[in-house]
């Protein structure tokens, strides 16, 4: 579920950058993911995040 939500809100380049961040700082990447998922649930994202 988590990955499907992120796939809907992030474009391909943004997902790649988030994956790179997860390799170096997994806790920071998880925090960004949680923030994006929360924003998506409340309808605060107008389109895909680049």
PDB file of N, CA and C in Angstrom:
ATOM      1  N   UNK A   1       0.826  -1.189   0.000  1.00  0.00           N
ATOM      2  CA  UNK A   1       0.000   0.000   0.000  1.00  0.00           C
ATOM      3  C   UNK A   1       0.873   1.257   0.000  1.00  0.00           C
ATOM      4  N   UNK A   2       1.886   1.224   0.815  1.00  0.00           N
ATOM      5  CA  UNK A   2       2.781   2.376   0.926  1.00  0.00           C
ATOM      6  C   UNK A   2       3.431   2.709  -0.417  1.00  0.00           C
ATOM      7  N   UNK A   3       3.946   1.689  -1.082  1.00  0.00           N
ATOM      8  CA  UNK A   3       4.605   1.909  -2.372  1.00  0.00           C
ATOM      9  C   UNK A   3       3.631   2.358  -3.444  1.00  0.00           C
ATOM     10  N   UNK A   4       2.409   1.862  -3.396  1.00  0.00           N
ATOM     11  CA  UNK A   4       1.429   2.268  -4.408  1.00  0.00           C
ATOM     12  C   UNK A   4       1.038   3.731  -4.238  1.00  0.00           C
ATOM     13  N   UNK A   5       0.923   4.187  -2.998  1.00  0.00           N
ATOM     14  CA  UNK A   5       0.615   5.607  -2.758  1.00  0.00           C
ATOM     15  C   UNK A   5       1.770   6.471  -3.246  1.00  0.00           C
ATOM     16  N   UNK A   6       2.989   6.070  -2.917  1.00  0.00           N
ATOM     17  CA  UNK A   6       4.151   6.846  -3.352  1.00  0.00           C
ATOM     18  C   UNK A   6       4.272   6.854  -4.869  1.00  0.00           C
ATOM     19  N   UNK A   7       3.929   5.753  -5.512  1.00  0.00           N
ATOM     20  CA  UNK A   7       3.977   5.694  -6.977  1.00  0.00           C
ATOM     21  C   UNK A   7       2.975   6.661  -7.594  1.00  0.00           C
ATOM     22  N   UNK A   8       1.862   6.878  -6.921  1.00  0.00           N
ATOM     23  CA  UNK A   8       0.843   7.791  -7.428  1.00  0.00           C
ATOM     24  C   UNK A   8       1.237   9.254  -7.251  1.00  0.00           C
ATOM     25  N   UNK A   9       1.984   9.566  -6.194  1.00  0.00           N
ATOM     26  CA  UNK A   9       2.264  10.975  -5.900  1.00  0.00           C
ATOM     27  C   UNK A   9       3.649  11.445  -6.342  1.00  0.00           C
ATOM     28  N   UNK A  10       4.561  10.518  -6.648  1.00  0.00           N
ATOM     29  CA  UNK A  10       5.913  10.907  -7.059  1.00  0.00           C
ATOM     30  C   UNK A  10       6.146  10.559  -8.523  1.00  0.00           C
ATOM     31  N   UNK A  11       6.832  11.456  -9.233  1.00  0.00           N
ATOM     32  CA  UNK A  11       7.229  11.075 -10.590  1.00  0.00           C
ATOM     33  C   UNK A  11       8.469  10.176 -10.491  1.00  0.00           C
ATOM     34  N   UNK A  12       8.876   9.636 -11.612  1.00  0.00           N
ATOM     35  CA  UNK A  12       9.943   8.634 -11.619  1.00  0.00           C
ATOM     36  C   UNK A  12      11.261   9.181 -11.071  1.00  0.00           C
ATOM     37  N   UNK A  13      11.600  10.409 -11.428  1.00  0.00           N
ATOM     38  CA  UNK A  13      12.856  11.003 -10.952  1.00  0.00           C
ATOM     39  C   UNK A  13      12.817  11.218  -9.439  1.00  0.00           C
ATOM     40  N   UNK A  14      11.677  11.648  -8.931  1.00  0.00           N
ATOM     41  CA  UNK A  14      11.545  11.872  -7.488  1.00  0.00           C
ATOM     42  C   UNK A  14      11.654  10.554  -6.725  1.00  0.00           C
ATOM     43  N   UNK A  15      11.070   9.496  -7.273  1.00  0.00           N
ATOM     44  CA  UNK A  15      11.180   8.182  -6.628  1.00  0.00           C
ATOM     45  C   UNK A  15      12.631   7.715  -6.609  1.00  0.00           C
ATOM     46  N   UNK A  16      13.363   7.984  -7.680  1.00  0.00           N
ATOM     47  CA  UNK A  16      14.776   7.600  -7.731  1.00  0.00           C
ATOM     48  C   UNK A  16      15.574   8.356  -6.673  1.00  0.00           C
ATOM     49  N   UNK A  17      15.308   9.653  -6.527  1.00  0.00           N
ATOM     50  CA  UNK A  17      16.019  10.441  -5.513  1.00  0.00           C
ATOM     51  C   UNK A  17      15.685   9.957  -4.107  1.00  0.00           C
ATOM     52  N   UNK A  18      14.423   9.624  -3.881  1.00  0.00           N
ATOM     53  CA  UNK A  18      14.024   9.119  -2.570  1.00  0.00           C
ATOM     54  C   UNK A  18      14.694   7.769  -2.284  1.00  0.00           C
ATOM     55  N   UNK A  19      14.825   6.939  -3.292  1.00  0.00           N
ATOM     56  CA  UNK A  19      15.516   5.652  -3.129  1.00  0.00           C
ATOM     57  C   UNK A  19      16.986   5.859  -2.792  1.00  0.00           C
ATOM     58  N   UNK A  20      17.620   6.831  -3.445  1.00  0.00           N
ATOM     59  CA  UNK A  20      19.022   7.139  -3.137  1.00  0.00           C
ATOM     60  C   UNK A  20      19.164   7.629  -1.704  1.00  0.00           C
ATOM     61  N   UNK A  21      18.231   8.456  -1.264  1.00  0.00           N
ATOM     62  CA  UNK A  21      18.250   8.947   0.112  1.00  0.00           C
ATOM     63  C   UNK A  21      18.097   7.785   1.091  1.00  0.00           C
ATOM     64  N   UNK A  22      17.232   6.836   0.756  1.00  0.00           N
ATOM     65  CA  UNK A  22      16.993   5.691   1.635  1.00  0.00           C
ATOM     66  C   UNK A  22      18.248   4.839   1.811  1.00  0.00           C
ATOM     67  N   UNK A  23      19.109   4.822   0.820  1.00  0.00           N
ATOM     68  CA  UNK A  23      20.353   4.064   0.940  1.00  0.00           C
ATOM     69  C   UNK A  23      21.298   4.696   1.955  1.00  0.00           C
ATOM     70  N   UNK A  24      21.295   6.028   2.008  1.00  0.00           N
ATOM     71  CA  UNK A  24      22.233   6.744   2.872  1.00  0.00           C
ATOM     72  C   UNK A  24      21.633   7.033   4.246  1.00  0.00           C
ATOM     73  N   UNK A  25      20.386   7.515   4.244  1.00  0.00           N
ATOM     74  CA  UNK A  25      19.720   7.886   5.495  1.00  0.00           C
ATOM     75  C   UNK A  25      18.300   7.316   5.505  1.00  0.00           C
ATOM     76  N   UNK A  26      18.169   6.049   5.868  1.00  0.00           N
ATOM     77  CA  UNK A  26      16.851   5.407   5.812  1.00  0.00           C
ATOM     78  C   UNK A  26      15.801   6.085   6.688  1.00  0.00           C
ATOM     79  N   UNK A  27      16.215   6.602   7.844  1.00  0.00           N
ATOM     80  CA  UNK A  27      15.242   7.245   8.730  1.00  0.00           C
ATOM     81  C   UNK A  27      14.715   8.541   8.129  1.00  0.00           C
ATOM     82  N   UNK A  28      15.558   9.276   7.437  1.00  0.00           N
ATOM     83  CA  UNK A  28      15.135  10.516   6.776  1.00  0.00           C
ATOM     84  C   UNK A  28      14.192  10.203   5.617  1.00  0.00           C
ATOM     85  N   UNK A  29      14.506   9.174   4.839  1.00  0.00           N
ATOM     86  CA  UNK A  29      13.653   8.775   3.718  1.00  0.00           C
ATOM     87  C   UNK A  29      12.285   8.336   4.219  1.00  0.00           C
ATOM     88  N   UNK A  30      12.243   7.602   5.327  1.00  0.00           N
ATOM     89  CA  UNK A  30      10.972   7.148   5.894  1.00  0.00           C
ATOM     90  C   UNK A  30      10.144   8.341   6.355  1.00  0.00           C
ATOM     91  N   UNK A  31      10.791   9.355   6.917  1.00  0.00           N
ATOM     92  CA  UNK A  31      10.078  10.553   7.354  1.00  0.00           C
ATOM     93  C   UNK A  31       9.485  11.300   6.159  1.00  0.00           C
ATOM     94  N   UNK A  32      10.238  11.408   5.073  1.00  0.00           N
ATOM     95  CA  UNK A  32       9.744  12.064   3.859  1.00  0.00           C
ATOM     96  C   UNK A  32       8.572  11.278   3.284  1.00  0.00           C
ATOM     97  N   UNK A  33       8.694   9.955   3.256  1.00  0.00           N
ATOM     98  CA  UNK A  33       7.604   9.117   2.755  1.00  0.00           C
ATOM     99  C   UNK A  33       6.338   9.324   3.583  1.00  0.00           C
ATOM    100  N   UNK A  34       6.487   9.317   4.910  1.00  0.00           N
ATOM    101  CA  UNK A  34       5.331   9.514   5.789  1.00  0.00           C
ATOM    102  C   UNK A  34       4.677  10.869   5.542  1.00  0.00           C
ATOM    103  N   UNK A  35       5.486  11.889   5.357  1.00  0.00           N
ATOM    104  CA  UNK A  35       4.973  13.233   5.103  1.00  0.00           C
ATOM    105  C   UNK A  35       4.203  13.283   3.784  1.00  0.00           C
ATOM    106  N   UNK A  36       4.762  12.691   2.741  1.00  0.00           N
ATOM    107  CA  UNK A  36       4.098  12.681   1.436  1.00  0.00           C
ATOM    108  C   UNK A  36       2.792  11.898   1.480  1.00  0.00           C
ATOM    109  N   UNK A  37       2.796  10.766   2.173  1.00  0.00           N
ATOM    110  CA  UNK A  37       1.578   9.958   2.285  1.00  0.00           C
ATOM    111  C   UNK A  37       0.502  10.726   3.041  1.00  0.00           C
ATOM    112  N   UNK A  38       0.893  11.407   4.105  1.00  0.00           N
ATOM    113  CA  UNK A  38      -0.068  12.202   4.874  1.00  0.00           C
ATOM    114  C   UNK A  38      -0.650  13.319   4.014  1.00  0.00           C
ATOM    115  N   UNK A  39       0.190  14.008   3.265  1.00  0.00           N
ATOM    116  CA  UNK A  39      -0.300  15.080   2.395  1.00  0.00           C
ATOM    117  C   UNK A  39      -1.241  14.532   1.328  1.00  0.00           C
ATOM    118  N   UNK A  40      -0.923  13.370   0.782  1.00  0.00           N
ATOM    119  CA  UNK A  40      -1.772  12.760  -0.241  1.00  0.00           C
ATOM    120  C   UNK A  40      -3.128  12.383   0.343  1.00  0.00           C
ATOM    121  N   UNK A  41      -3.142  11.855   1.546  1.00  0.00           N
ATOM    122  CA  UNK A  41      -4.407  11.454   2.181  1.00  0.00           C
ATOM    123  C   UNK A  41      -5.317  12.644   2.434  1.00  0.00           C
ATOM    124  N   UNK A  42      -4.742  13.784   2.743  1.00  0.00           N
ATOM    125  CA  UNK A  42      -5.545  14.977   3.018  1.00  0.00           C
ATOM    126  C   UNK A  42      -5.782  15.819   1.773  1.00  0.00           C
ATOM    127  N   UNK A  43      -5.345  15.330   0.624  1.00  0.00           N
ATOM    128  CA  UNK A  43      -5.594  16.026  -0.634  1.00  0.00           C
ATOM    129  C   UNK A  43      -4.812  17.311  -0.804  1.00  0.00           C
ATOM    130  N   UNK A  44      -3.655  17.398  -0.198  1.00  0.00           N
ATOM    131  CA  UNK A  44      -2.858  18.616  -0.256  1.00  0.00           C
ATOM    132  C   UNK A  44      -1.870  18.634  -1.417  1.00  0.00           C
ATOM    133  N   UNK A  45      -1.820  17.557  -2.179  1.00  0.00           N
ATOM    134  CA  UNK A  45      -0.922  17.512  -3.338  1.00  0.00           C
ATOM    135  C   UNK A  45      -1.754  17.720  -4.597  1.00  0.00           C
ATOM    136  N   UNK A  46      -1.361  18.703  -5.405  1.00  0.00           N
ATOM    137  CA  UNK A  46      -2.121  19.007  -6.609  1.00  0.00           C
ATOM    138  C   UNK A  46      -1.832  18.078  -7.771  1.00  0.00           C
ATOM    139  N   UNK A  47      -0.701  17.455  -7.766  1.00  0.00           N
ATOM    140  CA  UNK A  47      -0.312  16.551  -8.843  1.00  0.00           C
ATOM    141  C   UNK A  47       0.872  15.739  -8.384  1.00  0.00           C
ATOM    142  N   UNK A  48       1.600  15.208  -9.338  1.00  0.00           N
ATOM    143  CA  UNK A  48       2.781  14.422  -8.972  1.00  0.00           C
ATOM    144  C   UNK A  48       3.897  15.344  -8.504  1.00  0.00           C
ATOM    145  N   UNK A  49       4.584  14.907  -7.492  1.00  0.00           N
ATOM    146  CA  UNK A  49       5.708  15.663  -6.949  1.00  0.00           C
ATOM    147  C   UNK A  49       6.935  15.336  -7.783  1.00  0.00           C
ATOM    148  N   UNK A  50       7.637  16.387  -8.200  1.00  0.00           N
ATOM    149  CA  UNK A  50       8.851  16.172  -8.991  1.00  0.00           C
ATOM    150  C   UNK A  50      10.009  16.438  -8.128  1.00  0.00           C
TER     151      UNK A  50
END
